Amino acid sequence: MTKYDARNPAFREYTQHKIDCNKFIEWLEFNITTIEPGYVEGELKFKEMHQQQNGWLHGGITSAILDTVEGYAAYTLVNDGQQVFTAEARASYYNPGIADTFYARGWVDKAGKAFHFCEGELYYLKEGEKVIVAKGSTVMAIK
């Protein structure tokens, strides 16, 4: 999946430091499991606090997780000390989130000097098959 070389030789440590500073995803109990140049994966064990009125994964949590994996994918391709923040975000919802565990992956589609264009998806596995809950697209600004 990785098509980029990291600009920062310590990209994993730098990205992990940024993840460790993010109290929101800590509160959500969303865990990043993979950090590669231009690519991040994570998972969420579904809990009552994550559900909306029908018992499904809340759309706000879905979009937050997409933004998170796309943003950290962008962090893997910046220089030490540079910051990344969302300039534009979009989420498209495909299916209700009904599962015990959700997986998310985000990647940099096009890396630039001032902006990275990122994509992502959130899904669960049903009988071994991937069921897409939502796909996301972000423009991540670099400062």
N, C-alpha and C. Protein backbone atom coordinates (compact mmCIF):
# COMPACT_ATOMS: atom_id res chain seq x y z
N MET A 1 0.82 -1.20 0.00
CA MET A 1 0.00 0.00 0.00
C MET A 1 0.86 1.25 0.00
N THR A 2 2.02 1.20 0.64
CA THR A 2 2.86 2.37 0.77
C THR A 2 3.52 2.70 -0.56
N LYS A 3 3.36 3.95 -0.99
CA LYS A 3 3.99 4.39 -2.23
C LYS A 3 4.92 5.58 -2.01
N TYR A 4 5.13 5.94 -0.75
CA TYR A 4 5.93 7.10 -0.40
C TYR A 4 7.10 6.72 0.50
N ASP A 5 8.13 7.54 0.44
CA ASP A 5 9.23 7.46 1.39
C ASP A 5 9.00 8.55 2.43
N ALA A 6 9.26 8.24 3.67
CA ALA A 6 9.10 9.23 4.74
C ALA A 6 10.19 10.30 4.62
N ARG A 7 9.80 11.56 4.85
CA ARG A 7 10.77 12.66 4.85
C ARG A 7 11.57 12.66 6.15
N ASN A 8 10.96 12.15 7.19
CA ASN A 8 11.55 12.13 8.52
C ASN A 8 11.96 10.69 8.83
N PRO A 9 13.25 10.43 9.05
CA PRO A 9 13.66 9.05 9.35
C PRO A 9 13.01 8.50 10.62
N ALA A 10 12.60 9.38 11.53
CA ALA A 10 11.94 8.96 12.77
C ALA A 10 10.43 9.17 12.66
N PHE A 11 9.86 8.92 11.47
CA PHE A 11 8.44 9.18 11.24
C PHE A 11 7.54 8.38 12.17
N ARG A 12 7.89 7.14 12.48
CA ARG A 12 7.06 6.32 13.37
C ARG A 12 7.00 6.93 14.77
N GLU A 13 8.15 7.29 15.29
CA GLU A 13 8.21 7.88 16.62
C GLU A 13 7.48 9.22 16.67
N TYR A 14 7.69 10.05 15.63
CA TYR A 14 7.04 11.36 15.58
C TYR A 14 5.52 11.20 15.49
N THR A 15 5.06 10.31 14.63
CA THR A 15 3.62 10.08 14.49
C THR A 15 3.06 9.49 15.78
N GLN A 16 3.76 8.54 16.39
CA GLN A 16 3.29 7.94 17.64
C GLN A 16 3.21 8.99 18.74
N HIS A 17 4.16 9.92 18.78
CA HIS A 17 4.11 11.00 19.77
C HIS A 17 2.84 11.83 19.57
N LYS A 18 2.50 12.14 18.34
CA LYS A 18 1.29 12.91 18.05
C LYS A 18 0.04 12.11 18.45
N ILE A 19 0.05 10.83 18.21
CA ILE A 19 -1.07 9.96 18.62
C ILE A 19 -1.21 9.98 20.14
N ASP A 20 -0.08 9.85 20.83
CA ASP A 20 -0.10 9.84 22.30
C ASP A 20 -0.63 11.15 22.89
N CYS A 21 -0.46 12.24 22.17
CA CYS A 21 -0.95 13.56 22.63
C CYS A 21 -2.44 13.77 22.35
N ASN A 22 -3.06 12.90 21.59
CA ASN A 22 -4.46 13.07 21.18
C ASN A 22 -5.38 12.46 22.23
N LYS A 23 -5.89 13.28 23.10
CA LYS A 23 -6.74 12.80 24.20
C LYS A 23 -8.12 12.37 23.72
N PHE A 24 -8.59 12.92 22.59
CA PHE A 24 -9.91 12.54 22.07
C PHE A 24 -9.92 11.08 21.63
N ILE A 25 -8.95 10.66 20.85
CA ILE A 25 -8.97 9.25 20.41
C ILE A 25 -8.67 8.31 21.56
N GLU A 26 -7.93 8.81 22.55
CA GLU A 26 -7.72 8.01 23.77
C GLU A 26 -9.07 7.80 24.47
N TRP A 27 -9.86 8.87 24.58
CA TRP A 27 -11.19 8.79 25.20
C TRP A 27 -12.11 7.86 24.41
N LEU A 28 -12.03 7.92 23.07
CA LEU A 28 -12.85 7.04 22.22
C LEU A 28 -12.42 5.58 22.35
N GLU A 29 -11.18 5.37 22.81
CA GLU A 29 -10.57 4.05 22.87
C GLU A 29 -10.30 3.48 21.49
N PHE A 30 -9.96 4.39 20.57
CA PHE A 30 -9.54 4.01 19.22
C PHE A 30 -8.03 3.81 19.24
N ASN A 31 -7.57 2.67 18.75
CA ASN A 31 -6.15 2.31 18.81
C ASN A 31 -5.53 2.24 17.42
N ILE A 32 -4.45 2.97 17.24
CA ILE A 32 -3.68 2.88 16.00
C ILE A 32 -2.83 1.61 16.09
N THR A 33 -2.89 0.79 15.05
CA THR A 33 -2.18 -0.49 15.06
C THR A 33 -1.04 -0.58 14.06
N THR A 34 -1.06 0.26 13.03
CA THR A 34 -0.04 0.22 11.97
C THR A 34 0.33 1.64 11.59
N ILE A 35 1.64 1.90 11.49
CA ILE A 35 2.14 3.19 11.03
C ILE A 35 3.21 2.92 9.98
N GLU A 36 2.93 3.28 8.75
CA GLU A 36 3.86 3.14 7.63
C GLU A 36 3.92 4.47 6.90
N PRO A 37 4.92 4.71 6.06
CA PRO A 37 4.96 5.97 5.33
C PRO A 37 3.69 6.16 4.47
N GLY A 38 2.92 7.18 4.81
CA GLY A 38 1.70 7.49 4.05
C GLY A 38 0.52 6.59 4.34
N TYR A 39 0.58 5.78 5.41
CA TYR A 39 -0.47 4.80 5.66
C TYR A 39 -0.59 4.51 7.16
N VAL A 40 -1.84 4.47 7.65
CA VAL A 40 -2.11 4.18 9.06
C VAL A 40 -3.34 3.28 9.16
N GLU A 41 -3.33 2.36 10.10
CA GLU A 41 -4.49 1.52 10.40
C GLU A 41 -4.80 1.60 11.89
N GLY A 42 -6.07 1.34 12.23
CA GLY A 42 -6.46 1.31 13.62
C GLY A 42 -7.72 0.50 13.82
N GLU A 43 -8.09 0.32 15.09
CA GLU A 43 -9.31 -0.45 15.37
C GLU A 43 -10.03 0.11 16.58
N LEU A 44 -11.32 -0.17 16.61
CA LEU A 44 -12.19 0.28 17.69
C LEU A 44 -13.04 -0.90 18.14
N LYS A 45 -12.94 -1.23 19.42
CA LYS A 45 -13.83 -2.23 20.01
C LYS A 45 -15.12 -1.49 20.38
N PHE A 46 -16.23 -1.91 19.78
CA PHE A 46 -17.50 -1.22 19.94
C PHE A 46 -18.01 -1.33 21.38
N LYS A 47 -18.38 -0.16 21.93
CA LYS A 47 -18.93 -0.09 23.29
C LYS A 47 -20.19 0.75 23.25
N GLU A 48 -20.94 0.67 24.32
CA GLU A 48 -22.20 1.40 24.41
C GLU A 48 -22.01 2.90 24.15
N MET A 49 -20.90 3.47 24.61
CA MET A 49 -20.66 4.90 24.43
C MET A 49 -20.47 5.30 22.97
N HIS A 50 -20.25 4.34 22.07
CA HIS A 50 -20.05 4.62 20.66
C HIS A 50 -21.34 4.59 19.84
N GLN A 51 -22.43 4.20 20.46
CA GLN A 51 -23.66 3.98 19.67
C GLN A 51 -24.57 5.20 19.61
N GLN A 52 -25.32 5.24 18.52
CA GLN A 52 -26.36 6.24 18.36
C GLN A 52 -27.70 5.62 18.75
N GLN A 53 -28.80 6.29 18.45
CA GLN A 53 -30.13 5.90 18.94
C GLN A 53 -30.60 4.52 18.48
N ASN A 54 -30.07 3.99 17.38
CA ASN A 54 -30.48 2.66 16.90
C ASN A 54 -29.52 1.56 17.35
N GLY A 55 -28.52 1.94 18.13
CA GLY A 55 -27.55 0.95 18.59
C GLY A 55 -26.39 0.74 17.64
N TRP A 56 -26.31 1.52 16.57
CA TRP A 56 -25.24 1.40 15.59
C TRP A 56 -24.11 2.37 15.94
N LEU A 57 -22.98 2.21 15.29
CA LEU A 57 -21.86 3.13 15.47
C LEU A 57 -22.30 4.53 15.06
N HIS A 58 -22.07 5.49 15.93
CA HIS A 58 -22.48 6.88 15.68
C HIS A 58 -21.70 7.47 14.50
N GLY A 59 -22.40 8.21 13.65
CA GLY A 59 -21.77 8.82 12.47
C GLY A 59 -20.68 9.80 12.82
N GLY A 60 -20.82 10.51 13.94
CA GLY A 60 -19.78 11.45 14.35
C GLY A 60 -18.50 10.74 14.74
N ILE A 61 -18.63 9.59 15.36
CA ILE A 61 -17.45 8.79 15.70
C ILE A 61 -16.82 8.25 14.42
N THR A 62 -17.66 7.81 13.50
CA THR A 62 -17.17 7.32 12.21
C THR A 62 -16.33 8.38 11.52
N SER A 63 -16.88 9.60 11.40
CA SER A 63 -16.14 10.66 10.71
C SER A 63 -14.89 11.06 11.48
N ALA A 64 -14.96 11.04 12.81
CA ALA A 64 -13.78 11.38 13.62
C ALA A 64 -12.66 10.35 13.41
N ILE A 65 -13.02 9.08 13.34
CA ILE A 65 -12.02 8.04 13.12
C ILE A 65 -11.41 8.17 11.73
N LEU A 66 -12.23 8.44 10.73
CA LEU A 66 -11.69 8.65 9.38
C LEU A 66 -10.72 9.82 9.36
N ASP A 67 -11.11 10.93 9.97
CA ASP A 67 -10.24 12.10 10.04
C ASP A 67 -8.93 11.75 10.75
N THR A 68 -9.03 10.93 11.78
CA THR A 68 -7.85 10.54 12.56
C THR A 68 -6.87 9.72 11.74
N VAL A 69 -7.33 8.67 11.09
CA VAL A 69 -6.39 7.81 10.33
C VAL A 69 -5.83 8.55 9.12
N GLU A 70 -6.63 9.40 8.52
CA GLU A 70 -6.13 10.18 7.38
C GLU A 70 -5.11 11.20 7.85
N GLY A 71 -5.38 11.84 8.99
CA GLY A 71 -4.46 12.83 9.53
C GLY A 71 -3.13 12.23 9.95
N TYR A 72 -3.17 11.08 10.59
CA TYR A 72 -1.91 10.46 11.01
C TYR A 72 -1.16 9.87 9.81
N ALA A 73 -1.86 9.45 8.79
CA ALA A 73 -1.17 9.05 7.56
C ALA A 73 -0.40 10.25 7.01
N ALA A 74 -1.01 11.44 7.07
CA ALA A 74 -0.33 12.66 6.62
C ALA A 74 0.89 12.96 7.49
N TYR A 75 0.77 12.76 8.80
CA TYR A 75 1.89 13.02 9.71
C TYR A 75 3.11 12.16 9.37
N THR A 76 2.90 10.98 8.83
CA THR A 76 4.04 10.10 8.51
C THR A 76 4.91 10.66 7.39
N LEU A 77 4.38 11.65 6.66
CA LEU A 77 5.11 12.18 5.50
C LEU A 77 5.54 13.63 5.66
N VAL A 78 5.63 14.11 6.89
CA VAL A 78 6.11 15.48 7.11
C VAL A 78 7.46 15.44 7.82
N ASN A 79 8.11 16.59 7.83
CA ASN A 79 9.40 16.72 8.52
C ASN A 79 9.18 16.82 10.02
N ASP A 80 10.20 16.47 10.76
CA ASP A 80 10.16 16.59 12.22
C ASP A 80 9.80 18.04 12.58
N GLY A 81 8.84 18.19 13.47
CA GLY A 81 8.43 19.51 13.91
C GLY A 81 7.29 20.12 13.13
N GLN A 82 6.98 19.59 11.95
CA GLN A 82 5.85 20.12 11.19
C GLN A 82 4.54 19.62 11.80
N GLN A 83 3.51 20.42 11.64
CA GLN A 83 2.18 20.09 12.16
C GLN A 83 1.23 19.81 11.00
N VAL A 84 0.24 18.99 11.26
CA VAL A 84 -0.80 18.65 10.29
C VAL A 84 -2.14 18.97 10.91
N PHE A 85 -3.03 19.56 10.12
CA PHE A 85 -4.39 19.79 10.59
C PHE A 85 -5.36 19.71 9.41
N THR A 86 -6.59 19.39 9.73
CA THR A 86 -7.61 19.20 8.70
C THR A 86 -8.04 20.53 8.12
N ALA A 87 -7.94 20.66 6.80
CA ALA A 87 -8.42 21.86 6.10
C ALA A 87 -9.79 21.60 5.49
N GLU A 88 -10.05 20.35 5.12
CA GLU A 88 -11.34 19.98 4.52
C GLU A 88 -11.55 18.49 4.77
N ALA A 89 -12.80 18.12 5.06
CA ALA A 89 -13.08 16.70 5.32
C ALA A 89 -14.45 16.34 4.77
N ARG A 90 -14.55 15.11 4.30
CA ARG A 90 -15.82 14.59 3.80
C ARG A 90 -15.92 13.13 4.18
N ALA A 91 -17.11 12.71 4.58
CA ALA A 91 -17.37 11.30 4.87
C ALA A 91 -18.62 10.89 4.12
N SER A 92 -18.57 9.73 3.50
CA SER A 92 -19.72 9.15 2.81
C SER A 92 -20.05 7.84 3.51
N TYR A 93 -21.29 7.71 3.93
CA TYR A 93 -21.73 6.56 4.72
C TYR A 93 -22.38 5.52 3.81
N TYR A 94 -21.85 4.30 3.86
CA TYR A 94 -22.30 3.22 2.99
C TYR A 94 -23.28 2.28 3.68
N ASN A 95 -22.95 1.87 4.90
CA ASN A 95 -23.73 0.88 5.64
C ASN A 95 -23.75 1.23 7.11
N PRO A 96 -24.80 0.80 7.83
CA PRO A 96 -24.79 1.00 9.28
C PRO A 96 -23.63 0.24 9.92
N GLY A 97 -23.09 0.80 10.98
CA GLY A 97 -22.00 0.17 11.70
C GLY A 97 -22.55 -0.75 12.78
N ILE A 98 -22.62 -2.05 12.45
CA ILE A 98 -23.17 -3.03 13.38
C ILE A 98 -22.14 -4.15 13.53
N ALA A 99 -21.26 -4.02 14.53
CA ALA A 99 -20.20 -5.01 14.71
C ALA A 99 -19.58 -4.85 16.09
N ASP A 100 -18.82 -5.85 16.50
CA ASP A 100 -18.10 -5.78 17.77
C ASP A 100 -16.78 -5.03 17.63
N THR A 101 -16.17 -5.11 16.44
CA THR A 101 -14.90 -4.45 16.18
C THR A 101 -14.95 -3.77 14.82
N PHE A 102 -14.46 -2.53 14.79
CA PHE A 102 -14.37 -1.77 13.55
C PHE A 102 -12.91 -1.51 13.24
N TYR A 103 -12.59 -1.48 11.96
CA TYR A 103 -11.23 -1.25 11.50
C TYR A 103 -11.24 -0.02 10.61
N ALA A 104 -10.15 0.73 10.66
CA ALA A 104 -10.04 1.91 9.82
C ALA A 104 -8.64 1.95 9.23
N ARG A 105 -8.57 2.46 8.03
CA ARG A 105 -7.28 2.67 7.40
C ARG A 105 -7.31 3.99 6.66
N GLY A 106 -6.21 4.69 6.71
CA GLY A 106 -6.09 5.97 6.02
C GLY A 106 -4.77 6.02 5.28
N TRP A 107 -4.78 6.72 4.16
CA TRP A 107 -3.57 6.81 3.36
C TRP A 107 -3.50 8.15 2.65
N VAL A 108 -2.28 8.52 2.32
CA VAL A 108 -2.04 9.74 1.55
C VAL A 108 -2.16 9.37 0.08
N ASP A 109 -3.10 10.01 -0.59
CA ASP A 109 -3.31 9.77 -2.02
C ASP A 109 -2.35 10.62 -2.85
N LYS A 110 -2.15 11.86 -2.41
CA LYS A 110 -1.20 12.75 -3.07
C LYS A 110 -0.54 13.62 -2.01
N ALA A 111 0.77 13.49 -1.91
CA ALA A 111 1.53 14.28 -0.94
C ALA A 111 2.03 15.56 -1.60
N GLY A 112 1.95 16.66 -0.85
CA GLY A 112 2.45 17.93 -1.35
C GLY A 112 3.27 18.64 -0.29
N LYS A 113 3.73 19.84 -0.60
CA LYS A 113 4.52 20.62 0.35
C LYS A 113 3.64 21.32 1.38
N ALA A 114 2.47 21.82 0.95
CA ALA A 114 1.57 22.56 1.84
C ALA A 114 0.34 21.76 2.23
N PHE A 115 -0.03 20.78 1.39
CA PHE A 115 -1.23 19.97 1.64
C PHE A 115 -0.98 18.53 1.22
N HIS A 116 -1.56 17.61 2.00
CA HIS A 116 -1.63 16.20 1.60
C HIS A 116 -3.11 15.88 1.38
N PHE A 117 -3.40 15.21 0.29
CA PHE A 117 -4.76 14.78 -0.02
C PHE A 117 -4.86 13.31 0.40
N CYS A 118 -5.79 13.05 1.32
CA CYS A 118 -5.86 11.74 1.96
C CYS A 118 -7.21 11.07 1.75
N GLU A 119 -7.21 9.76 1.86
CA GLU A 119 -8.41 8.94 1.74
C GLU A 119 -8.44 7.97 2.92
N GLY A 120 -9.61 7.44 3.19
CA GLY A 120 -9.72 6.46 4.25
C GLY A 120 -10.99 5.66 4.16
N GLU A 121 -11.04 4.60 4.93
CA GLU A 121 -12.26 3.80 5.01
C GLU A 121 -12.36 3.18 6.39
N LEU A 122 -13.60 3.02 6.83
CA LEU A 122 -13.92 2.36 8.09
C LEU A 122 -14.82 1.18 7.74
N TYR A 123 -14.50 0.02 8.31
CA TYR A 123 -15.22 -1.20 7.93
C TYR A 123 -15.24 -2.18 9.09
N TYR A 124 -16.01 -3.23 8.91
CA TYR A 124 -15.98 -4.36 9.84
C TYR A 124 -15.97 -5.63 9.01
N LEU A 125 -15.70 -6.74 9.66
CA LEU A 125 -15.67 -8.03 8.97
C LEU A 125 -16.92 -8.82 9.34
N LYS A 126 -17.56 -9.36 8.33
CA LYS A 126 -18.74 -10.20 8.53
C LYS A 126 -18.52 -11.48 7.73
N GLU A 127 -18.39 -12.59 8.45
CA GLU A 127 -18.11 -13.89 7.82
C GLU A 127 -16.88 -13.80 6.92
N GLY A 128 -15.87 -13.06 7.39
CA GLY A 128 -14.61 -12.93 6.66
C GLY A 128 -14.60 -11.91 5.54
N GLU A 129 -15.74 -11.29 5.30
CA GLU A 129 -15.84 -10.30 4.21
C GLU A 129 -15.86 -8.89 4.79
N LYS A 130 -15.18 -7.97 4.10
CA LYS A 130 -15.15 -6.57 4.51
C LYS A 130 -16.48 -5.90 4.17
N VAL A 131 -17.08 -5.24 5.18
CA VAL A 131 -18.29 -4.45 4.98
C VAL A 131 -17.92 -2.99 5.25
N ILE A 132 -17.97 -2.17 4.22
CA ILE A 132 -17.61 -0.76 4.34
C ILE A 132 -18.72 -0.02 5.07
N VAL A 133 -18.37 0.66 6.15
CA VAL A 133 -19.31 1.52 6.86
C VAL A 133 -19.27 2.92 6.24
N ALA A 134 -18.06 3.42 6.00
CA ALA A 134 -17.91 4.76 5.43
C ALA A 134 -16.55 4.91 4.79
N LYS A 135 -16.49 5.85 3.85
CA LYS A 135 -15.22 6.25 3.23
C LYS A 135 -15.06 7.75 3.45
N GLY A 136 -13.82 8.15 3.57
CA GLY A 136 -13.55 9.55 3.83
C GLY A 136 -12.50 10.11 2.88
N SER A 137 -12.50 11.42 2.83
CA SER A 137 -11.55 12.16 2.00
C SER A 137 -11.22 13.45 2.74
N THR A 138 -9.94 13.75 2.89
CA THR A 138 -9.55 14.97 3.58
C THR A 138 -8.42 15.67 2.84
N VAL A 139 -8.36 16.96 3.07
CA VAL A 139 -7.20 17.76 2.69
C VAL A 139 -6.54 18.14 4.01
N MET A 140 -5.31 17.68 4.19
CA MET A 140 -4.57 17.97 5.41
C MET A 140 -3.55 19.06 5.12
N ALA A 141 -3.67 20.17 5.84
CA ALA A 141 -2.71 21.27 5.71
C ALA A 141 -1.47 20.96 6.53
N ILE A 142 -0.35 21.45 6.05
CA ILE A 142 0.94 21.23 6.71
C ILE A 142 1.49 22.59 7.11
N LYS A 143 1.86 22.70 8.37
CA LYS A 143 2.43 23.97 8.85
C LYS A 143 3.79 23.71 9.46
